[in-house]
């Protein structure tokens, strides 16, 4: 998929457009401004969760013991999204360690 396809509406353009801007600024050694605000966009969080659940590793339990199966319903994904965004906005988010195999 090329950049033009990625930016087309309906192809997850919200998350990709933001990622493309972040990557471009990093490659140009420009400061990353508003990065934290971008992470708290509901659409960006939803797209990020979608990508995480599509990963091959989503089938195995993480450090929290949860798998892709725990987030099958739209309500479960929305609750997870709201929980993450709220924790980011209030400053209470603490990432858990990555499970190594």
PDB file of N, CA and C in Angstrom:
ATOM      1  N   UNK A   1       0.859  -1.174   0.000  1.00  0.00           N
ATOM      2  CA  UNK A   1       0.000   0.000   0.000  1.00  0.00           C
ATOM      3  C   UNK A   1       0.902   1.234   0.000  1.00  0.00           C
ATOM      4  N   UNK A   2       0.715   2.123  -0.936  1.00  0.00           N
ATOM      5  CA  UNK A   2       1.556   3.323  -0.971  1.00  0.00           C
ATOM      6  C   UNK A   2       0.938   4.428  -0.114  1.00  0.00           C
ATOM      7  N   UNK A   3       1.678   5.501   0.051  1.00  0.00           N
ATOM      8  CA  UNK A   3       1.229   6.586   0.933  1.00  0.00           C
ATOM      9  C   UNK A   3      -0.094   7.174   0.473  1.00  0.00           C
ATOM     10  N   UNK A   4      -0.282   7.333  -0.842  1.00  0.00           N
ATOM     11  CA  UNK A   4      -1.540   7.882  -1.351  1.00  0.00           C
ATOM     12  C   UNK A   4      -2.730   7.025  -0.984  1.00  0.00           C
ATOM     13  N   UNK A   5      -2.561   5.692  -1.068  1.00  0.00           N
ATOM     14  CA  UNK A   5      -3.636   4.780  -0.678  1.00  0.00           C
ATOM     15  C   UNK A   5      -3.899   4.864   0.818  1.00  0.00           C
ATOM     16  N   UNK A   6      -2.829   5.002   1.581  1.00  0.00           N
ATOM     17  CA  UNK A   6      -2.975   5.051   3.031  1.00  0.00           C
ATOM     18  C   UNK A   6      -3.721   6.296   3.477  1.00  0.00           C
ATOM     19  N   UNK A   7      -3.612   7.351   2.721  1.00  0.00           N
ATOM     20  CA  UNK A   7      -4.260   8.600   3.120  1.00  0.00           C
ATOM     21  C   UNK A   7      -5.703   8.689   2.648  1.00  0.00           C
ATOM     22  N   UNK A   8      -6.141   7.727   1.854  1.00  0.00           N
ATOM     23  CA  UNK A   8      -7.503   7.763   1.333  1.00  0.00           C
ATOM     24  C   UNK A   8      -8.494   7.456   2.454  1.00  0.00           C
ATOM     25  N   UNK A   9      -9.591   8.230   2.538  1.00  0.00           N
ATOM     26  CA  UNK A   9     -10.606   7.941   3.549  1.00  0.00           C
ATOM     27  C   UNK A   9     -11.104   6.515   3.410  1.00  0.00           C
ATOM     28  N   UNK A  10     -11.356   5.878   4.538  1.00  0.00           N
ATOM     29  CA  UNK A  10     -11.820   4.503   4.517  1.00  0.00           C
ATOM     30  C   UNK A  10     -10.675   3.511   4.656  1.00  0.00           C
ATOM     31  N   UNK A  11      -9.438   3.968   4.553  1.00  0.00           N
ATOM     32  CA  UNK A  11      -8.284   3.086   4.701  1.00  0.00           C
ATOM     33  C   UNK A  11      -7.540   3.382   5.995  1.00  0.00           C
ATOM     34  N   UNK A  12      -8.249   3.831   7.006  1.00  0.00           N
ATOM     35  CA  UNK A  12      -7.598   4.146   8.267  1.00  0.00           C
ATOM     36  C   UNK A  12      -6.775   5.410   8.180  1.00  0.00           C
ATOM     37  N   UNK A  13      -7.207   6.338   7.385  1.00  0.00           N
ATOM     38  CA  UNK A  13      -6.414   7.534   7.084  1.00  0.00           C
ATOM     39  C   UNK A  13      -6.118   8.396   8.286  1.00  0.00           C
ATOM     40  N   UNK A  14      -6.965   8.369   9.309  1.00  0.00           N
ATOM     41  CA  UNK A  14      -6.726   9.227  10.476  1.00  0.00           C
ATOM     42  C   UNK A  14      -5.418   8.838  11.146  1.00  0.00           C
ATOM     43  N   UNK A  15      -5.260   7.554  11.471  1.00  0.00           N
ATOM     44  CA  UNK A  15      -4.041   7.109  12.135  1.00  0.00           C
ATOM     45  C   UNK A  15      -2.833   7.194  11.238  1.00  0.00           C
ATOM     46  N   UNK A  16      -2.976   6.791   9.994  1.00  0.00           N
ATOM     47  CA  UNK A  16      -1.839   6.800   9.087  1.00  0.00           C
ATOM     48  C   UNK A  16      -1.369   8.214   8.794  1.00  0.00           C
ATOM     49  N   UNK A  17      -2.270   9.136   8.616  1.00  0.00           N
ATOM     50  CA  UNK A  17      -1.873  10.508   8.325  1.00  0.00           C
ATOM     51  C   UNK A  17      -1.051  11.067   9.484  1.00  0.00           C
ATOM     52  N   UNK A  18      -1.498  10.816  10.678  1.00  0.00           N
ATOM     53  CA  UNK A  18      -0.761  11.279  11.848  1.00  0.00           C
ATOM     54  C   UNK A  18       0.592  10.583  11.930  1.00  0.00           C
ATOM     55  N   UNK A  19       0.629   9.287  11.669  1.00  0.00           N
ATOM     56  CA  UNK A  19       1.889   8.555  11.703  1.00  0.00           C
ATOM     57  C   UNK A  19       2.844   9.056  10.633  1.00  0.00           C
ATOM     58  N   UNK A  20       2.323   9.349   9.460  1.00  0.00           N
ATOM     59  CA  UNK A  20       3.167   9.870   8.387  1.00  0.00           C
ATOM     60  C   UNK A  20       3.772  11.215   8.770  1.00  0.00           C
ATOM     61  N   UNK A  21       2.986  12.069   9.398  1.00  0.00           N
ATOM     62  CA  UNK A  21       3.496  13.377   9.826  1.00  0.00           C
ATOM     63  C   UNK A  21       4.575  13.225  10.895  1.00  0.00           C
ATOM     64  N   UNK A  22       4.342  12.326  11.826  1.00  0.00           N
ATOM     65  CA  UNK A  22       5.321  12.087  12.886  1.00  0.00           C
ATOM     66  C   UNK A  22       6.618  11.553  12.287  1.00  0.00           C
ATOM     67  N   UNK A  23       6.504  10.585  11.392  1.00  0.00           N
ATOM     68  CA  UNK A  23       7.695  10.003  10.757  1.00  0.00           C
ATOM     69  C   UNK A  23       8.446  11.056   9.953  1.00  0.00           C
ATOM     70  N   UNK A  24       7.739  11.873   9.210  1.00  0.00           N
ATOM     71  CA  UNK A  24       8.383  12.912   8.398  1.00  0.00           C
ATOM     72  C   UNK A  24       9.152  13.896   9.271  1.00  0.00           C
ATOM     73  N   UNK A  25       8.499  14.351  10.349  1.00  0.00           N
ATOM     74  CA  UNK A  25       9.162  15.323  11.223  1.00  0.00           C
ATOM     75  C   UNK A  25      10.388  14.707  11.892  1.00  0.00           C
ATOM     76  N   UNK A  26      10.299  13.451  12.262  1.00  0.00           N
ATOM     77  CA  UNK A  26      11.440  12.781  12.886  1.00  0.00           C
ATOM     78  C   UNK A  26      12.593  12.644  11.889  1.00  0.00           C
ATOM     79  N   UNK A  27      12.286  12.303  10.643  1.00  0.00           N
ATOM     80  CA  UNK A  27      13.324  12.169   9.614  1.00  0.00           C
ATOM     81  C   UNK A  27      13.986  13.507   9.311  1.00  0.00           C
ATOM     82  N   UNK A  28      13.254  14.591   9.451  1.00  0.00           N
ATOM     83  CA  UNK A  28      13.789  15.923   9.183  1.00  0.00           C
ATOM     84  C   UNK A  28      14.423  16.549  10.425  1.00  0.00           C
ATOM     85  N   UNK A  29      14.522  15.779  11.499  1.00  0.00           N
ATOM     86  CA  UNK A  29      15.056  16.269  12.776  1.00  0.00           C
ATOM     87  C   UNK A  29      14.301  17.496  13.287  1.00  0.00           C
ATOM     88  N   UNK A  30      13.011  17.529  13.032  1.00  0.00           N
ATOM     89  CA  UNK A  30      12.159  18.601  13.524  1.00  0.00           C
ATOM     90  C   UNK A  30      11.532  18.147  14.847  1.00  0.00           C
ATOM     91  N   UNK A  31      11.271  19.081  15.727  1.00  0.00           N
ATOM     92  CA  UNK A  31      10.664  18.686  17.005  1.00  0.00           C
ATOM     93  C   UNK A  31       9.256  18.127  16.798  1.00  0.00           C
ATOM     94  N   UNK A  32       8.928  17.150  17.621  1.00  0.00           N
ATOM     95  CA  UNK A  32       7.592  16.559  17.561  1.00  0.00           C
ATOM     96  C   UNK A  32       6.703  17.326  18.531  1.00  0.00           C
ATOM     97  N   UNK A  33       5.823  18.148  17.986  1.00  0.00           N
ATOM     98  CA  UNK A  33       4.911  18.925  18.815  1.00  0.00           C
ATOM     99  C   UNK A  33       3.526  18.292  18.750  1.00  0.00           C
ATOM    100  N   UNK A  34       2.779  18.463  19.768  1.00  0.00           N
ATOM    101  CA  UNK A  34       1.408  17.960  19.842  1.00  0.00           C
ATOM    102  C   UNK A  34       1.305  16.437  19.751  1.00  0.00           C
ATOM    103  N   UNK A  35       2.408  15.736  19.986  1.00  0.00           N
ATOM    104  CA  UNK A  35       2.393  14.278  19.909  1.00  0.00           C
ATOM    105  C   UNK A  35       1.465  13.691  20.965  1.00  0.00           C
ATOM    106  N   UNK A  36       1.569  14.200  22.172  1.00  0.00           N
ATOM    107  CA  UNK A  36       0.726  13.679  23.242  1.00  0.00           C
ATOM    108  C   UNK A  36      -0.752  13.910  22.941  1.00  0.00           C
ATOM    109  N   UNK A  37      -1.071  15.091  22.411  1.00  0.00           N
ATOM    110  CA  UNK A  37      -2.469  15.380  22.075  1.00  0.00           C
ATOM    111  C   UNK A  37      -2.968  14.416  21.000  1.00  0.00           C
ATOM    112  N   UNK A  38      -2.118  14.101  20.036  1.00  0.00           N
ATOM    113  CA  UNK A  38      -2.494  13.159  18.978  1.00  0.00           C
ATOM    114  C   UNK A  38      -2.805  11.790  19.570  1.00  0.00           C
ATOM    115  N   UNK A  39      -2.028  11.375  20.548  1.00  0.00           N
ATOM    116  CA  UNK A  39      -2.251  10.061  21.167  1.00  0.00           C
ATOM    117  C   UNK A  39      -3.584   9.986  21.893  1.00  0.00           C
ATOM    118  N   UNK A  40      -4.144  11.119  22.283  1.00  0.00           N
ATOM    119  CA  UNK A  40      -5.404  11.102  23.016  1.00  0.00           C
ATOM    120  C   UNK A  40      -6.626  11.269  22.118  1.00  0.00           C
ATOM    121  N   UNK A  41      -6.434  11.360  20.801  1.00  0.00           N
ATOM    122  CA  UNK A  41      -7.578  11.401  19.889  1.00  0.00           C
ATOM    123  C   UNK A  41      -8.280  10.055  19.943  1.00  0.00           C
ATOM    124  N   UNK A  42      -9.567  10.053  20.061  1.00  0.00           N
ATOM    125  CA  UNK A  42     -10.320   8.804  20.107  1.00  0.00           C
ATOM    126  C   UNK A  42     -10.133   8.000  18.831  1.00  0.00           C
ATOM    127  N   UNK A  43     -10.127   8.667  17.680  1.00  0.00           N
ATOM    128  CA  UNK A  43      -9.963   7.959  16.404  1.00  0.00           C
ATOM    129  C   UNK A  43      -8.580   7.324  16.312  1.00  0.00           C
ATOM    130  N   UNK A  44      -7.558   8.012  16.799  1.00  0.00           N
ATOM    131  CA  UNK A  44      -6.199   7.474  16.775  1.00  0.00           C
ATOM    132  C   UNK A  44      -6.096   6.275  17.710  1.00  0.00           C
ATOM    133  N   UNK A  45      -6.700   6.380  18.889  1.00  0.00           N
ATOM    134  CA  UNK A  45      -6.685   5.275  19.844  1.00  0.00           C
ATOM    135  C   UNK A  45      -7.428   4.065  19.283  1.00  0.00           C
ATOM    136  N   UNK A  46      -8.563   4.300  18.642  1.00  0.00           N
ATOM    137  CA  UNK A  46      -9.333   3.201  18.056  1.00  0.00           C
ATOM    138  C   UNK A  46      -8.542   2.508  16.960  1.00  0.00           C
ATOM    139  N   UNK A  47      -7.872   3.278  16.119  1.00  0.00           N
ATOM    140  CA  UNK A  47      -7.070   2.703  15.040  1.00  0.00           C
ATOM    141  C   UNK A  47      -5.885   1.932  15.614  1.00  0.00           C
ATOM    142  N   UNK A  48      -5.281   2.455  16.659  1.00  0.00           N
ATOM    143  CA  UNK A  48      -4.153   1.770  17.300  1.00  0.00           C
ATOM    144  C   UNK A  48      -4.594   0.437  17.887  1.00  0.00           C
ATOM    145  N   UNK A  49      -5.738   0.419  18.546  1.00  0.00           N
ATOM    146  CA  UNK A  49      -6.267  -0.818  19.116  1.00  0.00           C
ATOM    147  C   UNK A  49      -6.565  -1.820  18.009  1.00  0.00           C
ATOM    148  N   UNK A  50      -7.130  -1.342  16.915  1.00  0.00           N
ATOM    149  CA  UNK A  50      -7.418  -2.223  15.775  1.00  0.00           C
ATOM    150  C   UNK A  50      -6.130  -2.878  15.268  1.00  0.00           C
ATOM    151  N   UNK A  51      -5.080  -2.100  15.154  1.00  0.00           N
ATOM    152  CA  UNK A  51      -3.799  -2.646  14.688  1.00  0.00           C
ATOM    153  C   UNK A  51      -3.226  -3.648  15.685  1.00  0.00           C
ATOM    154  N   UNK A  52      -3.318  -3.356  16.964  1.00  0.00           N
ATOM    155  CA  UNK A  52      -2.809  -4.282  17.984  1.00  0.00           C
ATOM    156  C   UNK A  52      -3.557  -5.602  17.910  1.00  0.00           C
ATOM    157  N   UNK A  53      -4.856  -5.553  17.747  1.00  0.00           N
ATOM    158  CA  UNK A  53      -5.654  -6.774  17.710  1.00  0.00           C
ATOM    159  C   UNK A  53      -5.454  -7.565  16.424  1.00  0.00           C
ATOM    160  N   UNK A  54      -4.916  -6.941  15.383  1.00  0.00           N
ATOM    161  CA  UNK A  54      -4.640  -7.658  14.134  1.00  0.00           C
ATOM    162  C   UNK A  54      -3.261  -8.309  14.137  1.00  0.00           C
ATOM    163  N   UNK A  55      -2.422  -7.969  15.103  1.00  0.00           N
ATOM    164  CA  UNK A  55      -1.092  -8.562  15.183  1.00  0.00           C
ATOM    165  C   UNK A  55      -1.182 -10.051  15.464  1.00  0.00           C
ATOM    166  N   UNK A  56      -0.207 -10.779  14.956  1.00  0.00           N
ATOM    167  CA  UNK A  56      -0.153 -12.219  15.169  1.00  0.00           C
ATOM    168  C   UNK A  56      -0.082 -12.551  16.655  1.00  0.00           C
ATOM    169  N   UNK A  57       0.619 -11.744  17.413  1.00  0.00           N
ATOM    170  CA  UNK A  57       0.777 -11.987  18.837  1.00  0.00           C
ATOM    171  C   UNK A  57      -0.476 -11.760  19.657  1.00  0.00           C
ATOM    172  N   UNK A  58      -1.526 -11.216  19.057  1.00  0.00           N
ATOM    173  CA  UNK A  58      -2.759 -10.943  19.790  1.00  0.00           C
ATOM    174  C   UNK A  58      -3.465 -12.228  20.221  1.00  0.00           C
ATOM    175  N   UNK A  59      -3.046 -13.360  19.656  1.00  0.00           N
ATOM    176  CA  UNK A  59      -3.678 -14.641  20.011  1.00  0.00           C
ATOM    177  C   UNK A  59      -3.138 -15.213  21.312  1.00  0.00           C
ATOM    178  N   UNK A  60      -1.963 -14.752  21.732  1.00  0.00           N
ATOM    179  CA  UNK A  60      -1.366 -15.273  22.955  1.00  0.00           C
ATOM    180  C   UNK A  60      -1.555 -14.252  24.074  1.00  0.00           C
ATOM    181  N   UNK A  61      -1.697 -14.725  25.297  1.00  0.00           N
ATOM    182  CA  UNK A  61      -1.913 -13.793  26.410  1.00  0.00           C
ATOM    183  C   UNK A  61      -0.717 -12.873  26.614  1.00  0.00           C
ATOM    184  N   UNK A  62      -1.016 -11.630  26.913  1.00  0.00           N
ATOM    185  CA  UNK A  62       0.030 -10.665  27.232  1.00  0.00           C
ATOM    186  C   UNK A  62       0.344 -10.726  28.706  1.00  0.00           C
ATOM    187  N   UNK A  63       1.083  -9.756  29.177  1.00  0.00           N
ATOM    188  CA  UNK A  63       1.467  -9.728  30.591  1.00  0.00           C
ATOM    189  C   UNK A  63       0.241  -9.578  31.490  1.00  0.00           C
ATOM    190  N   UNK A  64      -0.838  -9.014  30.940  1.00  0.00           N
ATOM    191  CA  UNK A  64      -2.079  -8.861  31.712  1.00  0.00           C
ATOM    192  C   UNK A  64      -2.982 -10.084  31.603  1.00  0.00           C
ATOM    193  N   UNK A  65      -2.550 -11.093  30.824  1.00  0.00           N
ATOM    194  CA  UNK A  65      -3.317 -12.329  30.686  1.00  0.00           C
ATOM    195  C   UNK A  65      -4.444 -12.251  29.677  1.00  0.00           C
ATOM    196  N   UNK A  66      -4.578 -11.142  28.966  1.00  0.00           N
ATOM    197  CA  UNK A  66      -5.671 -10.972  28.008  1.00  0.00           C
ATOM    198  C   UNK A  66      -5.212 -11.268  26.589  1.00  0.00           C
ATOM    199  N   UNK A  67      -6.151 -11.779  25.781  1.00  0.00           N
ATOM    200  CA  UNK A  67      -5.887 -12.069  24.377  1.00  0.00           C
ATOM    201  C   UNK A  67      -6.886 -11.307  23.517  1.00  0.00           C
ATOM    202  N   UNK A  68      -6.765 -11.495  22.232  1.00  0.00           N
ATOM    203  CA  UNK A  68      -7.681 -10.881  21.272  1.00  0.00           C
ATOM    204  C   UNK A  68      -9.131 -11.279  21.581  1.00  0.00           C
ATOM    205  N   UNK A  69      -9.310 -12.501  22.061  1.00  0.00           N
ATOM    206  CA  UNK A  69     -10.651 -13.003  22.371  1.00  0.00           C
ATOM    207  C   UNK A  69     -11.346 -12.163  23.444  1.00  0.00           C
ATOM    208  N   UNK A  70     -10.568 -11.513  24.297  1.00  0.00           N
ATOM    209  CA  UNK A  70     -11.150 -10.685  25.359  1.00  0.00           C
ATOM    210  C   UNK A  70     -11.714  -9.367  24.831  1.00  0.00           C
ATOM    211  N   UNK A  71     -11.426  -9.052  23.576  1.00  0.00           N
ATOM    212  CA  UNK A  71     -11.869  -7.776  22.991  1.00  0.00           C
ATOM    213  C   UNK A  71     -12.655  -7.994  21.707  1.00  0.00           C
ATOM    214  N   UNK A  72     -13.447  -9.060  21.650  1.00  0.00           N
ATOM    215  CA  UNK A  72     -14.197  -9.372  20.444  1.00  0.00           C
ATOM    216  C   UNK A  72     -15.362  -8.414  20.203  1.00  0.00           C
ATOM    217  N   UNK A  73     -16.031  -8.008  21.258  1.00  0.00           N
ATOM    218  CA  UNK A  73     -17.191  -7.141  21.070  1.00  0.00           C
ATOM    219  C   UNK A  73     -16.766  -5.685  20.938  1.00  0.00           C
ATOM    220  N   UNK A  74     -17.568  -4.932  20.233  1.00  0.00           N
ATOM    221  CA  UNK A  74     -17.302  -3.504  20.050  1.00  0.00           C
ATOM    222  C   UNK A  74     -17.328  -2.777  21.396  1.00  0.00           C
ATOM    223  N   UNK A  75     -18.179  -3.248  22.315  1.00  0.00           N
ATOM    224  CA  UNK A  75     -18.262  -2.619  23.632  1.00  0.00           C
ATOM    225  C   UNK A  75     -16.965  -2.805  24.416  1.00  0.00           C
ATOM    226  N   UNK A  76     -16.378  -4.003  24.321  1.00  0.00           N
ATOM    227  CA  UNK A  76     -15.111  -4.263  25.015  1.00  0.00           C
ATOM    228  C   UNK A  76     -13.993  -3.397  24.460  1.00  0.00           C
ATOM    229  N   UNK A  77     -13.924  -3.267  23.131  1.00  0.00           N
ATOM    230  CA  UNK A  77     -12.890  -2.437  22.499  1.00  0.00           C
ATOM    231  C   UNK A  77     -13.084  -0.963  22.848  1.00  0.00           C
ATOM    232  N   UNK A  78     -14.337  -0.521  22.859  1.00  0.00           N
ATOM    233  CA  UNK A  78     -14.624   0.871  23.199  1.00  0.00           C
ATOM    234  C   UNK A  78     -14.269   1.163  24.658  1.00  0.00           C
ATOM    235  N   UNK A  79     -14.565   0.231  25.545  1.00  0.00           N
ATOM    236  CA  UNK A  79     -14.221   0.418  26.963  1.00  0.00           C
ATOM    237  C   UNK A  79     -12.706   0.495  27.136  1.00  0.00           C
ATOM    238  N   UNK A  80     -11.971  -0.352  26.423  1.00  0.00           N
ATOM    239  CA  UNK A  80     -10.504  -0.341  26.483  1.00  0.00           C
ATOM    240  C   UNK A  80      -9.968   0.988  25.948  1.00  0.00           C
ATOM    241  N   UNK A  81     -10.547   1.426  24.835  1.00  0.00           N
ATOM    242  CA  UNK A  81     -10.142   2.707  24.226  1.00  0.00           C
ATOM    243  C   UNK A  81     -10.375   3.863  25.198  1.00  0.00           C
ATOM    244  N   UNK A  82     -11.543   3.913  25.792  1.00  0.00           N
ATOM    245  CA  UNK A  82     -11.864   4.994  26.733  1.00  0.00           C
ATOM    246  C   UNK A  82     -10.944   4.959  27.952  1.00  0.00           C
ATOM    247  N   UNK A  83     -10.656   3.753  28.434  1.00  0.00           N
ATOM    248  CA  UNK A  83      -9.772   3.593  29.588  1.00  0.00           C
ATOM    249  C   UNK A  83      -8.371   4.137  29.281  1.00  0.00           C
ATOM    250  N   UNK A  84      -7.833   3.809  28.111  1.00  0.00           N
ATOM    251  CA  UNK A  84      -6.496   4.266  27.731  1.00  0.00           C
ATOM    252  C   UNK A  84      -6.472   5.778  27.541  1.00  0.00           C
ATOM    253  N   UNK A  85      -7.435   6.314  26.796  1.00  0.00           N
ATOM    254  CA  UNK A  85      -7.478   7.758  26.536  1.00  0.00           C
ATOM    255  C   UNK A  85      -7.636   8.530  27.835  1.00  0.00           C
ATOM    256  N   UNK A  86      -8.502   8.076  28.719  1.00  0.00           N
ATOM    257  CA  UNK A  86      -8.709   8.753  30.005  1.00  0.00           C
ATOM    258  C   UNK A  86      -7.430   8.731  30.832  1.00  0.00           C
ATOM    259  N   UNK A  87      -6.749   7.588  30.870  1.00  0.00           N
ATOM    260  CA  UNK A  87      -5.504   7.485  31.639  1.00  0.00           C
ATOM    261  C   UNK A  87      -4.433   8.405  31.062  1.00  0.00           C
ATOM    262  N   UNK A  88      -4.371   8.513  29.738  1.00  0.00           N
ATOM    263  CA  UNK A  88      -3.405   9.424  29.114  1.00  0.00           C
ATOM    264  C   UNK A  88      -3.716  10.875  29.466  1.00  0.00           C
ATOM    265  N   UNK A  89      -4.990  11.235  29.370  1.00  0.00           N
ATOM    266  CA  UNK A  89      -5.380  12.623  29.619  1.00  0.00           C
ATOM    267  C   UNK A  89      -5.189  13.040  31.076  1.00  0.00           C
ATOM    268  N   UNK A  90      -5.385  12.106  31.998  1.00  0.00           N
ATOM    269  CA  UNK A  90      -5.262  12.443  33.417  1.00  0.00           C
ATOM    270  C   UNK A  90      -3.846  12.236  33.949  1.00  0.00           C
ATOM    271  N   UNK A  91      -2.976  11.662  33.125  1.00  0.00           N
ATOM    272  CA  UNK A  91      -1.602  11.434  33.548  1.00  0.00           C
ATOM    273  C   UNK A  91      -1.406  10.214  34.412  1.00  0.00           C
ATOM    274  N   UNK A  92      -2.408   9.336  34.456  1.00  0.00           N
ATOM    275  CA  UNK A  92      -2.306   8.137  35.285  1.00  0.00           C
ATOM    276  C   UNK A  92      -1.891   6.903  34.502  1.00  0.00           C
ATOM    277  N   UNK A  93      -1.672   7.035  33.192  1.00  0.00           N
ATOM    278  CA  UNK A  93      -1.292   5.885  32.372  1.00  0.00           C
ATOM    279  C   UNK A  93       0.107   5.418  32.735  1.00  0.00           C
ATOM    280  N   UNK A  94       0.253   4.144  33.007  1.00  0.00           N
ATOM    281  CA  UNK A  94       1.544   3.537  33.265  1.00  0.00           C
ATOM    282  C   UNK A  94       1.644   2.293  32.378  1.00  0.00           C
ATOM    283  N   UNK A  95       2.504   2.330  31.387  1.00  0.00           N
ATOM    284  CA  UNK A  95       2.607   1.167  30.494  1.00  0.00           C
ATOM    285  C   UNK A  95       3.110  -0.060  31.258  1.00  0.00           C
ATOM    286  N   UNK A  96       2.595  -1.203  30.876  1.00  0.00           N
ATOM    287  CA  UNK A  96       3.063  -2.460  31.481  1.00  0.00           C
ATOM    288  C   UNK A  96       4.246  -2.974  30.673  1.00  0.00           C
ATOM    289  N   UNK A  97       5.100  -3.756  31.299  1.00  0.00           N
ATOM    290  CA  UNK A  97       6.237  -4.302  30.568  1.00  0.00           C
ATOM    291  C   UNK A  97       5.783  -5.188  29.413  1.00  0.00           C
ATOM    292  N   UNK A  98       6.591  -5.280  28.405  1.00  0.00           N
ATOM    293  CA  UNK A  98       6.304  -6.147  27.271  1.00  0.00           C
ATOM    294  C   UNK A  98       6.667  -7.561  27.672  1.00  0.00           C
ATOM    295  N   UNK A  99       5.798  -8.499  27.327  1.00  0.00           N
ATOM    296  CA  UNK A  99       6.068  -9.897  27.641  1.00  0.00           C
ATOM    297  C   UNK A  99       7.057 -10.446  26.640  1.00  0.00           C
ATOM    298  N   UNK A 100       8.153 -10.970  27.118  1.00  0.00           N
ATOM    299  CA  UNK A 100       9.175 -11.558  26.270  1.00  0.00           C
ATOM    300  C   UNK A 100       9.057 -13.074  26.328  1.00  0.00           C
ATOM    301  N   UNK A 101       9.267 -13.684  25.184  1.00  0.00           N
ATOM    302  CA  UNK A 101       9.188 -15.156  25.113  1.00  0.00           C
ATOM    303  C   UNK A 101      10.568 -15.697  24.867  1.00  0.00           C
TER     304      UNK A 101
END
